[in-house]
Amino acid sequence: MLHYAVVFFVIALIAAVLGFGGIAASAAGIAQVLFVIFLVLALVSVVFGLIRKR
């Protein structure tokens, strides 16, 4: 998940440099959503890991 977020971020940077504002904004938005999903899943994994150790 984090890999895809980084890929979309790089796509957004390249599109912004080349002047494709709409594509850059869309790719940046997708990257943000994927990063938030990654953070939520990582947090859930840590919580379940702590609960299981008890």
PDB file of N, CA and C in Angstrom:
ATOM      1  N   MET A   1       0.833  -1.186   0.000  1.00  0.00           N
ATOM      2  CA  MET A   1       0.000   0.000   0.000  1.00  0.00           C
ATOM      3  C   MET A   1       0.878   1.250   0.000  1.00  0.00           C
ATOM      4  N   LEU A   2       1.892   1.226   0.836  1.00  0.00           N
ATOM      5  CA  LEU A   2       2.791   2.378   0.893  1.00  0.00           C
ATOM      6  C   LEU A   2       3.534   2.535  -0.427  1.00  0.00           C
ATOM      7  N   HIS A   3       3.856   1.429  -1.048  1.00  0.00           N
ATOM      8  CA  HIS A   3       4.553   1.478  -2.340  1.00  0.00           C
ATOM      9  C   HIS A   3       3.701   2.214  -3.381  1.00  0.00           C
ATOM     10  N   TYR A   4       2.417   1.898  -3.439  1.00  0.00           N
ATOM     11  CA  TYR A   4       1.542   2.547  -4.399  1.00  0.00           C
ATOM     12  C   TYR A   4       1.378   4.029  -4.090  1.00  0.00           C
ATOM     13  N   ALA A   5       1.346   4.387  -2.820  1.00  0.00           N
ATOM     14  CA  ALA A   5       1.262   5.799  -2.450  1.00  0.00           C
ATOM     15  C   ALA A   5       2.487   6.557  -2.943  1.00  0.00           C
ATOM     16  N   VAL A   6       3.659   5.951  -2.786  1.00  0.00           N
ATOM     17  CA  VAL A   6       4.885   6.597  -3.256  1.00  0.00           C
ATOM     18  C   VAL A   6       4.891   6.692  -4.784  1.00  0.00           C
ATOM     19  N   VAL A   7       4.429   5.653  -5.453  1.00  0.00           N
ATOM     20  CA  VAL A   7       4.372   5.675  -6.923  1.00  0.00           C
ATOM     21  C   VAL A   7       3.463   6.796  -7.411  1.00  0.00           C
ATOM     22  N   PHE A   8       2.282   6.936  -6.820  1.00  0.00           N
ATOM     23  CA  PHE A   8       1.382   7.996  -7.239  1.00  0.00           C
ATOM     24  C   PHE A   8       1.943   9.371  -6.900  1.00  0.00           C
ATOM     25  N   PHE A   9       2.689   9.488  -5.804  1.00  0.00           N
ATOM     26  CA  PHE A   9       3.322  10.752  -5.453  1.00  0.00           C
ATOM     27  C   PHE A   9       4.373  11.133  -6.494  1.00  0.00           C
ATOM     28  N   VAL A  10       5.158  10.166  -6.927  1.00  0.00           N
ATOM     29  CA  VAL A  10       6.167  10.427  -7.958  1.00  0.00           C
ATOM     30  C   VAL A  10       5.492  10.813  -9.273  1.00  0.00           C
ATOM     31  N   ILE A  11       4.415  10.137  -9.611  1.00  0.00           N
ATOM     32  CA  ILE A  11       3.662  10.488 -10.822  1.00  0.00           C
ATOM     33  C   ILE A  11       3.143  11.913 -10.718  1.00  0.00           C
ATOM     34  N   ALA A  12       2.657  12.293  -9.541  1.00  0.00           N
ATOM     35  CA  ALA A  12       2.154  13.652  -9.339  1.00  0.00           C
ATOM     36  C   ALA A  12       3.275  14.678  -9.493  1.00  0.00           C
ATOM     37  N   LEU A  13       4.445  14.374  -8.969  1.00  0.00           N
ATOM     38  CA  LEU A  13       5.569  15.303  -9.103  1.00  0.00           C
ATOM     39  C   LEU A  13       5.981  15.465 -10.563  1.00  0.00           C
ATOM     40  N   ILE A  14       6.070  14.361 -11.280  1.00  0.00           N
ATOM     41  CA  ILE A  14       6.469  14.427 -12.692  1.00  0.00           C
ATOM     42  C   ILE A  14       5.422  15.181 -13.503  1.00  0.00           C
ATOM     43  N   ALA A  15       4.152  14.910 -13.246  1.00  0.00           N
ATOM     44  CA  ALA A  15       3.088  15.602 -13.972  1.00  0.00           C
ATOM     45  C   ALA A  15       3.088  17.095 -13.661  1.00  0.00           C
ATOM     46  N   ALA A  16       3.377  17.456 -12.418  1.00  0.00           N
ATOM     47  CA  ALA A  16       3.418  18.869 -12.053  1.00  0.00           C
ATOM     48  C   ALA A  16       4.573  19.579 -12.745  1.00  0.00           C
ATOM     49  N   VAL A  17       5.715  18.918 -12.824  1.00  0.00           N
ATOM     50  CA  VAL A  17       6.874  19.515 -13.497  1.00  0.00           C
ATOM     51  C   VAL A  17       6.590  19.717 -14.991  1.00  0.00           C
ATOM     52  N   LEU A  18       5.886  18.780 -15.583  1.00  0.00           N
ATOM     53  CA  LEU A  18       5.584  18.870 -17.006  1.00  0.00           C
ATOM     54  C   LEU A  18       4.386  19.766 -17.308  1.00  0.00           C
ATOM     55  N   GLY A  19       3.703  20.243 -16.265  1.00  0.00           N
ATOM     56  CA  GLY A  19       2.619  21.187 -16.471  1.00  0.00           C
ATOM     57  C   GLY A  19       1.231  20.582 -16.584  1.00  0.00           C
ATOM     58  N   PHE A  20       1.077  19.327 -16.231  1.00  0.00           N
ATOM     59  CA  PHE A  20      -0.240  18.692 -16.264  1.00  0.00           C
ATOM     60  C   PHE A  20      -0.885  18.824 -14.884  1.00  0.00           C
ATOM     61  N   GLY A  21      -1.523  19.948 -14.632  1.00  0.00           N
ATOM     62  CA  GLY A  21      -2.065  20.248 -13.308  1.00  0.00           C
ATOM     63  C   GLY A  21      -3.166  19.302 -12.867  1.00  0.00           C
ATOM     64  N   GLY A  22      -4.070  18.967 -13.769  1.00  0.00           N
ATOM     65  CA  GLY A  22      -5.185  18.084 -13.407  1.00  0.00           C
ATOM     66  C   GLY A  22      -4.725  16.689 -13.048  1.00  0.00           C
ATOM     67  N   ILE A  23      -3.822  16.171 -13.850  1.00  0.00           N
ATOM     68  CA  ILE A  23      -3.296  14.828 -13.579  1.00  0.00           C
ATOM     69  C   ILE A  23      -2.494  14.828 -12.286  1.00  0.00           C
ATOM     70  N   ALA A  24      -1.728  15.897 -12.069  1.00  0.00           N
ATOM     71  CA  ALA A  24      -0.921  15.995 -10.847  1.00  0.00           C
ATOM     72  C   ALA A  24      -1.814  16.040  -9.610  1.00  0.00           C
ATOM     73  N   ALA A  25      -2.886  16.804  -9.678  1.00  0.00           N
ATOM     74  CA  ALA A  25      -3.797  16.902  -8.541  1.00  0.00           C
ATOM     75  C   ALA A  25      -4.482  15.565  -8.267  1.00  0.00           C
ATOM     76  N   SER A  26      -4.890  14.883  -9.327  1.00  0.00           N
ATOM     77  CA  SER A  26      -5.537  13.585  -9.156  1.00  0.00           C
ATOM     78  C   SER A  26      -4.576  12.560  -8.558  1.00  0.00           C
ATOM     79  N   ALA A  27      -3.361  12.509  -9.066  1.00  0.00           N
ATOM     80  CA  ALA A  27      -2.379  11.558  -8.555  1.00  0.00           C
ATOM     81  C   ALA A  27      -2.016  11.877  -7.112  1.00  0.00           C
ATOM     82  N   ALA A  28      -1.916  13.148  -6.780  1.00  0.00           N
ATOM     83  CA  ALA A  28      -1.607  13.532  -5.397  1.00  0.00           C
ATOM     84  C   ALA A  28      -2.757  13.141  -4.458  1.00  0.00           C
ATOM     85  N   GLY A  29      -3.977  13.307  -4.916  1.00  0.00           N
ATOM     86  CA  GLY A  29      -5.134  12.910  -4.112  1.00  0.00           C
ATOM     87  C   GLY A  29      -5.169  11.411  -3.874  1.00  0.00           C
ATOM     88  N   ILE A  30      -4.884  10.647  -4.906  1.00  0.00           N
ATOM     89  CA  ILE A  30      -4.845   9.190  -4.767  1.00  0.00           C
ATOM     90  C   ILE A  30      -3.734   8.781  -3.809  1.00  0.00           C
ATOM     91  N   ALA A  31      -2.577   9.442  -3.916  1.00  0.00           N
ATOM     92  CA  ALA A  31      -1.457   9.140  -3.026  1.00  0.00           C
ATOM     93  C   ALA A  31      -1.823   9.425  -1.577  1.00  0.00           C
ATOM     94  N   GLN A  32      -2.530  10.517  -1.330  1.00  0.00           N
ATOM     95  CA  GLN A  32      -2.948  10.846   0.034  1.00  0.00           C
ATOM     96  C   GLN A  32      -3.910   9.797   0.589  1.00  0.00           C
ATOM     97  N   VAL A  33      -4.862   9.391  -0.211  1.00  0.00           N
ATOM     98  CA  VAL A  33      -5.833   8.386   0.241  1.00  0.00           C
ATOM     99  C   VAL A  33      -5.127   7.069   0.552  1.00  0.00           C
ATOM    100  N   LEU A  34      -4.234   6.637  -0.323  1.00  0.00           N
ATOM    101  CA  LEU A  34      -3.524   5.386  -0.091  1.00  0.00           C
ATOM    102  C   LEU A  34      -2.637   5.463   1.149  1.00  0.00           C
ATOM    103  N   PHE A  35      -2.027   6.618   1.388  1.00  0.00           N
ATOM    104  CA  PHE A  35      -1.183   6.772   2.569  1.00  0.00           C
ATOM    105  C   PHE A  35      -2.018   6.712   3.845  1.00  0.00           C
ATOM    106  N   VAL A  36      -3.184   7.320   3.842  1.00  0.00           N
ATOM    107  CA  VAL A  36      -4.066   7.268   5.015  1.00  0.00           C
ATOM    108  C   VAL A  36      -4.532   5.836   5.258  1.00  0.00           C
ATOM    109  N   ILE A  37      -4.879   5.118   4.194  1.00  0.00           N
ATOM    110  CA  ILE A  37      -5.282   3.715   4.349  1.00  0.00           C
ATOM    111  C   ILE A  37      -4.127   2.899   4.922  1.00  0.00           C
ATOM    112  N   PHE A  38      -2.904   3.159   4.432  1.00  0.00           N
ATOM    113  CA  PHE A  38      -1.724   2.473   4.971  1.00  0.00           C
ATOM    114  C   PHE A  38      -1.574   2.753   6.457  1.00  0.00           C
ATOM    115  N   LEU A  39      -1.716   4.014   6.875  1.00  0.00           N
ATOM    116  CA  LEU A  39      -1.570   4.358   8.292  1.00  0.00           C
ATOM    117  C   LEU A  39      -2.619   3.667   9.151  1.00  0.00           C
ATOM    118  N   VAL A  40      -3.855   3.632   8.668  1.00  0.00           N
ATOM    119  CA  VAL A  40      -4.931   2.979   9.425  1.00  0.00           C
ATOM    120  C   VAL A  40      -4.656   1.483   9.567  1.00  0.00           C
ATOM    121  N   LEU A  41      -4.270   0.840   8.470  1.00  0.00           N
ATOM    122  CA  LEU A  41      -3.990  -0.593   8.534  1.00  0.00           C
ATOM    123  C   LEU A  41      -2.778  -0.891   9.418  1.00  0.00           C
ATOM    124  N   ALA A  42      -1.764  -0.041   9.383  1.00  0.00           N
ATOM    125  CA  ALA A  42      -0.587  -0.233  10.236  1.00  0.00           C
ATOM    126  C   ALA A  42      -0.972  -0.083  11.706  1.00  0.00           C
ATOM    127  N   LEU A  43      -1.798   0.906  12.014  1.00  0.00           N
ATOM    128  CA  LEU A  43      -2.240   1.108  13.396  1.00  0.00           C
ATOM    129  C   LEU A  43      -3.077  -0.066  13.891  1.00  0.00           C
ATOM    130  N   VAL A  44      -3.979  -0.562  13.057  1.00  0.00           N
ATOM    131  CA  VAL A  44      -4.799  -1.716  13.428  1.00  0.00           C
ATOM    132  C   VAL A  44      -3.909  -2.934  13.664  1.00  0.00           C
ATOM    133  N   SER A  45      -2.919  -3.117  12.823  1.00  0.00           N
ATOM    134  CA  SER A  45      -2.001  -4.239  12.975  1.00  0.00           C
ATOM    135  C   SER A  45      -1.224  -4.156  14.279  1.00  0.00           C
ATOM    136  N   VAL A  46      -0.770  -2.970  14.639  1.00  0.00           N
ATOM    137  CA  VAL A  46      -0.031  -2.791  15.894  1.00  0.00           C
ATOM    138  C   VAL A  46      -0.937  -3.066  17.093  1.00  0.00           C
ATOM    139  N   VAL A  47      -2.157  -2.563  17.041  1.00  0.00           N
ATOM    140  CA  VAL A  47      -3.097  -2.771  18.152  1.00  0.00           C
ATOM    141  C   VAL A  47      -3.410  -4.248  18.328  1.00  0.00           C
ATOM    142  N   PHE A  48      -3.701  -4.947  17.232  1.00  0.00           N
ATOM    143  CA  PHE A  48      -3.988  -6.375  17.330  1.00  0.00           C
ATOM    144  C   PHE A  48      -2.762  -7.155  17.787  1.00  0.00           C
ATOM    145  N   GLY A  49      -1.592  -6.722  17.384  1.00  0.00           N
ATOM    146  CA  GLY A  49      -0.362  -7.369  17.841  1.00  0.00           C
ATOM    147  C   GLY A  49      -0.164  -7.219  19.340  1.00  0.00           C
ATOM    148  N   LEU A  50      -0.483  -6.047  19.858  1.00  0.00           N
ATOM    149  CA  LEU A  50      -0.359  -5.832  21.305  1.00  0.00           C
ATOM    150  C   LEU A  50      -1.414  -6.628  22.085  1.00  0.00           C
ATOM    151  N   ILE A  51      -2.613  -6.726  21.520  1.00  0.00           N
ATOM    152  CA  ILE A  51      -3.677  -7.470  22.195  1.00  0.00           C
ATOM    153  C   ILE A  51      -3.346  -8.956  22.202  1.00  0.00           C
ATOM    154  N   ARG A  52      -2.786  -9.459  21.123  1.00  0.00           N
ATOM    155  CA  ARG A  52      -2.475 -10.893  21.031  1.00  0.00           C
ATOM    156  C   ARG A  52      -1.380 -11.329  21.994  1.00  0.00           C
ATOM    157  N   LYS A  53      -0.456 -10.435  22.326  1.00  0.00           N
ATOM    158  CA  LYS A  53       0.653 -10.787  23.196  1.00  0.00           C
ATOM    159  C   LYS A  53       0.199 -11.011  24.643  1.00  0.00           C
ATOM    160  N   ARG A  54      -0.955 -10.491  24.991  1.00  0.00           N
ATOM    161  CA  ARG A  54      -1.442 -10.612  26.374  1.00  0.00           C
ATOM    162  C   ARG A  54      -1.950 -11.974  26.664  1.00  0.00           C
TER     163      ARG A  54
END
